[in-house]
């Protein structure tokens, strides 16, 4: 279906707004269905706390680290925190 056909069906006359709604809808469907998943590897560095994420990233699905809670050189998922940490950060962030 073309944008013009969709605009006729919903009774919309503004092309820019229609395209914006279509893009928003596609992005929401992508968030729910988790299609187009890409894997990104980031090597951690000593004394570095914050890392940059790609600009086109929508959602972090999983974070895995090597040797986390094991000694077999396996990658394991880090559990997600639901509430704030019980102790405050030294840098106040």
Protein backbone atom coordinates (compact mmCIF):
# COMPACT_ATOMS: atom_id res chain seq x y z
CA UNK A 1 0.00 0.00 0.00
CA UNK A 2 1.32 3.44 -0.86
CA UNK A 3 1.25 6.47 1.40
CA UNK A 4 -1.35 8.16 -0.81
CA UNK A 5 -3.71 5.17 -0.52
CA UNK A 6 -3.31 5.10 3.25
CA UNK A 7 -3.98 8.83 3.48
CA UNK A 8 -7.20 8.40 1.44
CA UNK A 9 -8.40 5.57 3.71
CA UNK A 10 -7.94 7.59 6.92
CA UNK A 11 -9.04 10.90 5.43
CA UNK A 12 -5.75 12.73 5.94
CA UNK A 13 -4.49 15.50 3.68
CA UNK A 14 -1.09 16.33 5.20
CA UNK A 15 1.61 14.12 3.66
CA UNK A 16 4.37 15.05 6.14
CA UNK A 17 2.24 14.18 9.14
CA UNK A 18 1.13 10.89 7.56
CA UNK A 19 4.73 9.85 6.93
CA UNK A 20 5.67 10.77 10.51
CA UNK A 21 2.82 8.62 11.85
CA UNK A 22 3.86 5.71 9.64
CA UNK A 23 7.48 5.94 10.84
CA UNK A 24 6.34 6.11 14.48
CA UNK A 25 4.14 3.05 13.97
CA UNK A 26 6.94 1.07 12.35
CA UNK A 27 9.30 1.93 15.18
CA UNK A 28 6.75 0.81 17.78
CA UNK A 29 6.17 -2.46 15.93
CA UNK A 30 9.94 -2.98 15.86
CA UNK A 31 10.13 -2.46 19.63
CA UNK A 32 7.39 -5.03 20.26
CA UNK A 33 8.46 -7.68 17.73
CA UNK A 34 12.23 -7.20 18.18
CA UNK A 35 13.07 -7.57 14.51
CA UNK A 36 16.32 -6.33 13.02
CA UNK A 37 18.30 -7.18 16.13
CA UNK A 38 21.98 -6.36 15.82
CA UNK A 39 24.73 -7.44 18.15
CA UNK A 40 27.26 -4.91 19.34
CA UNK A 41 30.45 -5.78 21.20
CA UNK A 42 32.06 -3.24 23.48
CA UNK A 43 35.31 -3.96 25.26
CA UNK A 44 35.43 -2.59 28.75
CA UNK A 45 38.40 -0.56 29.94
CA UNK A 46 39.88 -0.11 33.37
CA UNK A 47 38.56 2.95 35.27
CA UNK A 48 35.96 3.72 32.58
CA UNK A 49 32.37 3.72 33.73
CA UNK A 50 30.23 5.15 30.92
CA UNK A 51 30.13 3.85 27.35
CA UNK A 52 28.44 5.21 24.23
CA UNK A 53 25.61 3.35 22.53
CA UNK A 54 24.92 3.47 18.76
CA UNK A 55 22.66 6.34 17.64
CA UNK A 56 20.20 4.00 15.87
CA UNK A 57 19.72 1.77 18.91
CA UNK A 58 16.16 1.52 20.22
CA UNK A 59 16.46 -0.87 23.14
CA UNK A 60 19.06 -2.95 25.00
CA UNK A 61 17.87 -6.55 24.98
CA UNK A 62 20.68 -8.24 26.91
CA UNK A 63 24.06 -7.46 28.44
CA UNK A 64 26.49 -10.36 28.78
CA UNK A 65 29.98 -10.53 30.26
CA UNK A 66 32.66 -13.17 30.24
CA UNK A 67 33.47 -15.01 33.49
CA UNK A 68 30.50 -13.48 35.35
CA UNK A 69 29.61 -15.87 38.18
CA UNK A 70 31.68 -18.67 36.62
CA UNK A 71 35.25 -19.66 35.85
CA UNK A 72 34.66 -21.44 32.52
CA UNK A 73 35.24 -18.46 30.16
CA UNK A 74 31.50 -18.41 29.37
CA UNK A 75 29.40 -15.35 28.60
CA UNK A 76 26.50 -14.92 31.03
CA UNK A 77 23.74 -12.34 31.23
CA UNK A 78 23.92 -9.67 33.88
CA UNK A 79 20.64 -9.44 35.84
CA UNK A 80 18.76 -6.20 35.40
CA UNK A 81 18.18 -3.99 38.43
CA UNK A 82 14.56 -3.03 38.94
CA UNK A 83 15.06 -0.57 41.80
CA UNK A 84 17.84 1.95 42.50
CA UNK A 85 21.00 0.54 44.11
CA UNK A 86 20.99 0.58 47.92
CA UNK A 87 24.25 2.55 48.10
CA UNK A 88 24.87 5.90 46.43
CA UNK A 89 27.52 6.23 43.71
CA UNK A 90 30.76 7.96 44.60
CA UNK A 91 30.36 10.37 41.67
CA UNK A 92 26.70 11.11 42.45
CA UNK A 93 25.28 9.82 39.13
